[in-house]
Amino acid sequence: MATKINKANFFAKMGVLHREPVSLSGFGEVFIKALTAKENEEFEQIIVNSDGKMKTDISVKAVMVIKSAEDADGNKLFTMDDLDQLSEMPAAPINKMFAVASRLNNVTDADIEELTKN
């Protein structure tokens, strides 16, 4: 039998943002967090043109890292001002952080593919 959902239980369980440490070789740990609904919408607005197609002049992975990377104390590591520099970094650490961010935020390859088709 399924548990009955009420508003108090919903907010208590769903209101907890998950985050995971990601170890970057030679650097240490970065924490990747689950985005809030508002942050997820901001992410989508940044990577999608007004016509609904994914922008080709922006690194989706770098934007996700900007939105989800934190230090151990929960402070954001990056802002959109860091986009160009993150986009020029070696792919391995960006891919590692993006993989965790994608999993925590339920962003699948199919989601990205659908955006590129629109």
Protein backbone atom coordinates (compact mmCIF):
# COMPACT_ATOMS: atom_id res chain seq x y z
CA MET A 1 0.00 0.00 0.00
CA ALA A 2 1.39 3.38 -1.00
CA THR A 3 2.08 6.05 1.59
CA LYS A 4 -0.40 8.88 1.53
CA ILE A 5 1.13 12.13 0.44
CA ASN A 6 0.35 15.32 2.25
CA LYS A 7 1.92 18.73 1.90
CA ALA A 8 4.05 18.48 5.05
CA ASN A 9 5.51 15.11 4.03
CA PHE A 10 6.04 16.27 0.46
CA PHE A 11 8.03 19.36 1.44
CA ALA A 12 9.94 17.50 4.14
CA LYS A 13 11.12 14.78 1.77
CA MET A 14 11.33 16.64 -1.54
CA GLY A 15 12.77 19.85 -0.09
CA VAL A 16 16.14 18.26 0.69
CA LEU A 17 18.69 19.06 -2.00
CA HIS A 18 21.17 16.28 -2.55
CA ARG A 19 24.81 16.85 -3.31
CA GLU A 20 27.80 14.63 -3.90
CA PRO A 21 31.54 15.13 -3.72
CA VAL A 22 33.52 14.77 -6.93
CA SER A 23 37.24 14.17 -6.57
CA LEU A 24 39.31 16.01 -9.17
CA SER A 25 42.82 14.67 -9.59
CA GLY A 26 45.44 17.08 -8.30
CA PHE A 27 42.83 19.52 -7.03
CA GLY A 28 40.61 18.01 -4.35
CA GLU A 29 36.88 17.74 -3.95
CA VAL A 30 34.14 19.76 -5.58
CA PHE A 31 30.56 19.25 -4.49
CA ILE A 32 27.86 18.91 -7.13
CA LYS A 33 24.32 19.67 -6.03
CA ALA A 34 20.85 18.99 -7.29
CA LEU A 35 19.35 22.15 -8.76
CA THR A 36 16.20 23.77 -7.47
CA ALA A 37 13.30 24.07 -9.90
CA LYS A 38 14.19 27.74 -10.43
CA GLU A 39 17.87 26.96 -11.06
CA ASN A 40 16.90 24.25 -13.53
CA GLU A 41 14.71 26.70 -15.45
CA GLU A 42 17.57 29.23 -15.48
CA PHE A 43 19.86 26.50 -16.86
CA GLU A 44 17.37 25.75 -19.64
CA GLN A 45 16.93 29.44 -20.48
CA ILE A 46 20.71 29.85 -20.82
CA ILE A 47 21.20 26.89 -23.16
CA VAL A 48 18.10 27.30 -25.37
CA ASN A 49 17.42 30.02 -27.96
CA SER A 50 14.12 31.88 -28.06
CA ASP A 51 13.07 29.57 -30.92
CA GLY A 52 13.43 26.52 -28.66
CA LYS A 53 16.66 25.22 -30.20
CA MET A 54 19.77 24.54 -28.18
CA LYS A 55 22.45 27.18 -28.58
CA THR A 56 25.49 25.97 -30.47
CA ASP A 57 27.82 28.68 -29.21
CA ILE A 58 27.69 27.65 -25.56
CA SER A 59 29.02 24.70 -23.58
CA VAL A 60 26.02 22.96 -21.98
CA LYS A 61 28.38 21.02 -19.72
CA ALA A 62 30.12 24.18 -18.50
CA VAL A 63 26.77 25.85 -17.78
CA MET A 64 25.62 22.82 -15.75
CA VAL A 65 28.89 22.92 -13.79
CA ILE A 66 28.39 26.64 -13.11
CA LYS A 67 24.88 26.01 -11.83
CA SER A 68 25.71 22.97 -9.68
CA ALA A 69 29.32 23.19 -8.38
CA GLU A 70 29.88 24.20 -4.76
CA ASP A 71 32.68 24.21 -2.23
CA ALA A 72 32.53 22.15 0.97
CA ASP A 73 30.58 24.93 2.72
CA GLY A 74 27.87 25.07 0.05
CA ASN A 75 29.10 28.25 -1.64
CA LYS A 76 28.81 28.46 -5.42
CA LEU A 77 32.20 28.02 -7.07
CA PHE A 78 31.41 29.68 -10.39
CA THR A 79 29.26 32.32 -12.03
CA MET A 80 28.31 32.85 -15.66
CA ASP A 81 31.33 35.17 -15.85
CA ASP A 82 33.43 31.98 -15.70
CA LEU A 83 31.73 30.36 -18.72
CA ASP A 84 34.46 31.09 -21.28
CA GLN A 85 37.25 29.90 -19.00
CA LEU A 86 35.40 26.71 -18.02
CA SER A 87 34.58 26.04 -21.67
CA GLU A 88 38.30 26.10 -22.50
CA MET A 89 39.31 23.70 -19.71
CA PRO A 90 40.28 20.08 -20.41
CA ALA A 91 37.16 17.99 -20.94
CA ALA A 92 37.91 15.30 -18.33
CA PRO A 93 37.16 17.30 -15.14
CA ILE A 94 34.18 19.07 -16.74
CA ASN A 95 32.79 15.73 -17.95
CA LYS A 96 33.25 14.20 -14.50
CA MET A 97 31.32 17.01 -12.80
CA PHE A 98 28.68 17.08 -15.54
CA ALA A 99 28.07 13.33 -15.22
CA VAL A 100 27.22 13.69 -11.53
CA ALA A 101 25.17 16.86 -12.12
CA SER A 102 23.21 15.13 -14.88
CA ARG A 103 22.41 12.17 -12.67
CA LEU A 104 21.39 14.30 -9.67
CA ASN A 105 19.25 16.55 -11.86
CA ASN A 106 17.77 13.79 -14.01
CA VAL A 107 19.17 15.27 -17.23
CA THR A 108 19.53 12.45 -19.72
CA ASP A 109 21.22 12.15 -23.10
CA ALA A 110 17.69 11.97 -24.53
CA ASP A 111 16.87 15.36 -22.97
CA ILE A 112 19.92 16.95 -24.58
CA GLU A 113 19.19 15.21 -27.89
CA GLU A 114 15.62 16.50 -27.86
CA LEU A 115 16.86 20.05 -27.34
CA THR A 116 19.22 19.75 -30.29
CA LYS A 117 16.37 18.53 -32.53
CA ASN A 118 13.98 21.38 -31.78
